[in-house]
Amino acid sequence: MRKSRIIACLLCLFILAGCGGSENSLIGEWTIGQGENNAITITIEFKKDGTMIEKAVSPELSFQKEGTYKITGDKITMYYDDYEIEYTYTIKDNEFVMIYPHGTEIIWTRTK
């Protein structure tokens, strides 16, 4: 009886560990390209209500785009007015890695 309880607890821990890339860990602000040496800084903020704001700033331009997002397993789908895009993603510590379908990775750093 005791062995089965231990095994059941270990199974629960493995299941919960697999949920590490949950939507709650995505909530906040993430940035790529920072400082004077980079031509552009892009920030994306994911909010609890499923909305997001993406901002880009460079010496020549700046823009802001709003949209929504949806998490399904290890996939994030981002919806904008004129298109949608799906990535595989992982989150570890303060890094949010978006992986394009063709394999290119974009690594974001948590700023808030």
Protein backbone atom coordinates (compact mmCIF):
# COMPACT_ATOMS: atom_id res chain seq x y z
CA MET A 1 0.00 0.00 0.00
CA ARG A 2 2.76 2.43 0.90
CA LYS A 3 4.66 1.74 -2.35
CA SER A 4 1.58 2.50 -4.44
CA ARG A 5 1.12 5.84 -2.63
CA ILE A 6 4.74 6.78 -3.28
CA ILE A 7 4.41 5.81 -6.95
CA ALA A 8 1.18 7.82 -7.24
CA CYS A 9 2.87 10.89 -5.70
CA LEU A 10 5.84 10.57 -8.07
CA LEU A 11 3.50 10.32 -11.06
CA CYS A 12 1.73 13.49 -9.95
CA LEU A 13 5.06 15.31 -9.68
CA PHE A 14 6.04 14.26 -13.22
CA ILE A 15 2.68 15.39 -14.57
CA LEU A 16 2.96 18.76 -12.82
CA ALA A 17 6.56 19.20 -14.01
CA GLY A 18 5.35 18.80 -17.57
CA CYS A 19 3.10 21.81 -17.11
CA GLY A 20 6.09 24.17 -16.74
CA GLY A 21 5.28 26.16 -19.90
CA SER A 22 1.89 27.22 -18.63
CA GLU A 23 0.14 30.40 -19.59
CA ASN A 24 0.68 31.85 -16.09
CA SER A 25 4.47 31.66 -16.48
CA LEU A 26 4.14 33.57 -19.77
CA ILE A 27 2.31 36.53 -18.20
CA GLY A 28 4.53 39.61 -18.15
CA GLU A 29 6.86 41.56 -20.38
CA TRP A 30 9.57 40.03 -22.58
CA THR A 31 12.24 41.84 -24.64
CA ILE A 32 14.76 41.14 -27.40
CA GLY A 33 17.45 43.55 -28.62
CA GLN A 34 18.46 45.95 -25.90
CA GLY A 35 20.94 48.78 -25.55
CA GLU A 36 22.63 51.19 -27.92
CA ASN A 37 24.43 48.51 -29.94
CA ASN A 38 21.20 46.96 -31.18
CA ALA A 39 19.30 48.55 -34.04
CA ILE A 40 15.87 47.64 -32.66
CA THR A 41 14.27 46.71 -29.37
CA ILE A 42 11.10 44.64 -29.43
CA THR A 43 8.94 44.13 -26.36
CA ILE A 44 5.90 41.92 -26.03
CA GLU A 45 3.61 41.92 -23.02
CA PHE A 46 1.28 39.00 -22.36
CA LYS A 47 -1.66 39.81 -20.09
CA LYS A 48 -3.83 37.49 -18.00
CA ASP A 49 -6.94 38.32 -20.05
CA GLY A 50 -5.42 36.77 -23.22
CA THR A 51 -4.41 40.07 -24.81
CA MET A 52 -0.91 41.14 -25.77
CA ILE A 53 0.88 44.29 -26.83
CA GLU A 54 3.95 44.22 -29.05
CA LYS A 55 6.18 47.30 -29.33
CA ALA A 56 9.21 47.91 -31.53
CA VAL A 57 11.55 50.88 -31.20
CA SER A 58 14.58 51.79 -33.30
CA PRO A 59 16.32 55.06 -34.15
CA GLU A 60 14.26 55.28 -37.36
CA LEU A 61 10.82 54.06 -36.28
CA SER A 62 8.53 52.84 -33.56
CA PHE A 63 5.25 50.96 -33.65
CA GLN A 64 2.80 49.21 -31.40
CA LYS A 65 0.57 46.30 -32.34
CA GLU A 66 -2.13 44.72 -30.19
CA GLY A 67 -3.54 41.24 -30.43
CA THR A 68 -4.59 38.17 -28.51
CA TYR A 69 -2.95 34.84 -27.82
CA LYS A 70 -3.94 31.27 -27.00
CA ILE A 71 -1.88 28.54 -25.35
CA THR A 72 -2.41 24.89 -26.30
CA GLY A 73 0.15 22.55 -24.77
CA ASP A 74 3.57 23.75 -25.93
CA LYS A 75 2.08 25.88 -28.74
CA ILE A 76 1.24 29.56 -28.63
CA THR A 77 -0.95 31.08 -31.32
CA MET A 78 -0.79 34.85 -31.64
CA TYR A 79 -3.69 36.60 -33.35
CA TYR A 80 -3.43 40.05 -34.91
CA ASP A 81 -6.02 41.93 -37.01
CA ASP A 82 -4.54 40.81 -40.31
CA TYR A 83 -2.88 37.46 -39.51
CA GLU A 84 -2.15 34.75 -36.99
CA ILE A 85 1.02 32.81 -36.29
CA GLU A 86 1.74 29.69 -34.24
CA TYR A 87 4.99 28.86 -32.48
CA THR A 88 6.22 26.07 -30.27
CA TYR A 89 7.55 27.62 -27.09
CA THR A 90 9.42 26.89 -23.89
CA ILE A 91 9.98 28.95 -20.78
CA LYS A 92 12.92 28.37 -18.48
CA ASP A 93 13.82 30.80 -15.74
CA ASN A 94 13.75 34.23 -17.41
CA GLU A 95 13.96 33.00 -21.02
CA PHE A 96 10.98 32.59 -23.31
CA VAL A 97 11.99 30.73 -26.49
CA MET A 98 9.68 30.91 -29.51
CA ILE A 99 10.43 28.28 -32.15
CA TYR A 100 9.22 28.82 -35.71
CA PRO A 101 7.89 25.77 -37.61
CA HIS A 102 11.11 25.72 -39.70
CA GLY A 103 13.25 25.62 -36.53
CA THR A 104 14.50 29.19 -36.05
CA GLU A 105 14.46 30.21 -32.38
CA ILE A 106 13.82 33.65 -30.93
CA ILE A 107 14.96 34.06 -27.34
CA TRP A 108 13.18 36.69 -25.25
CA THR A 109 14.27 37.84 -21.78
CA ARG A 110 11.76 38.64 -19.03
CA THR A 111 11.81 42.33 -18.13
CA LYS A 112 8.73 42.41 -15.86
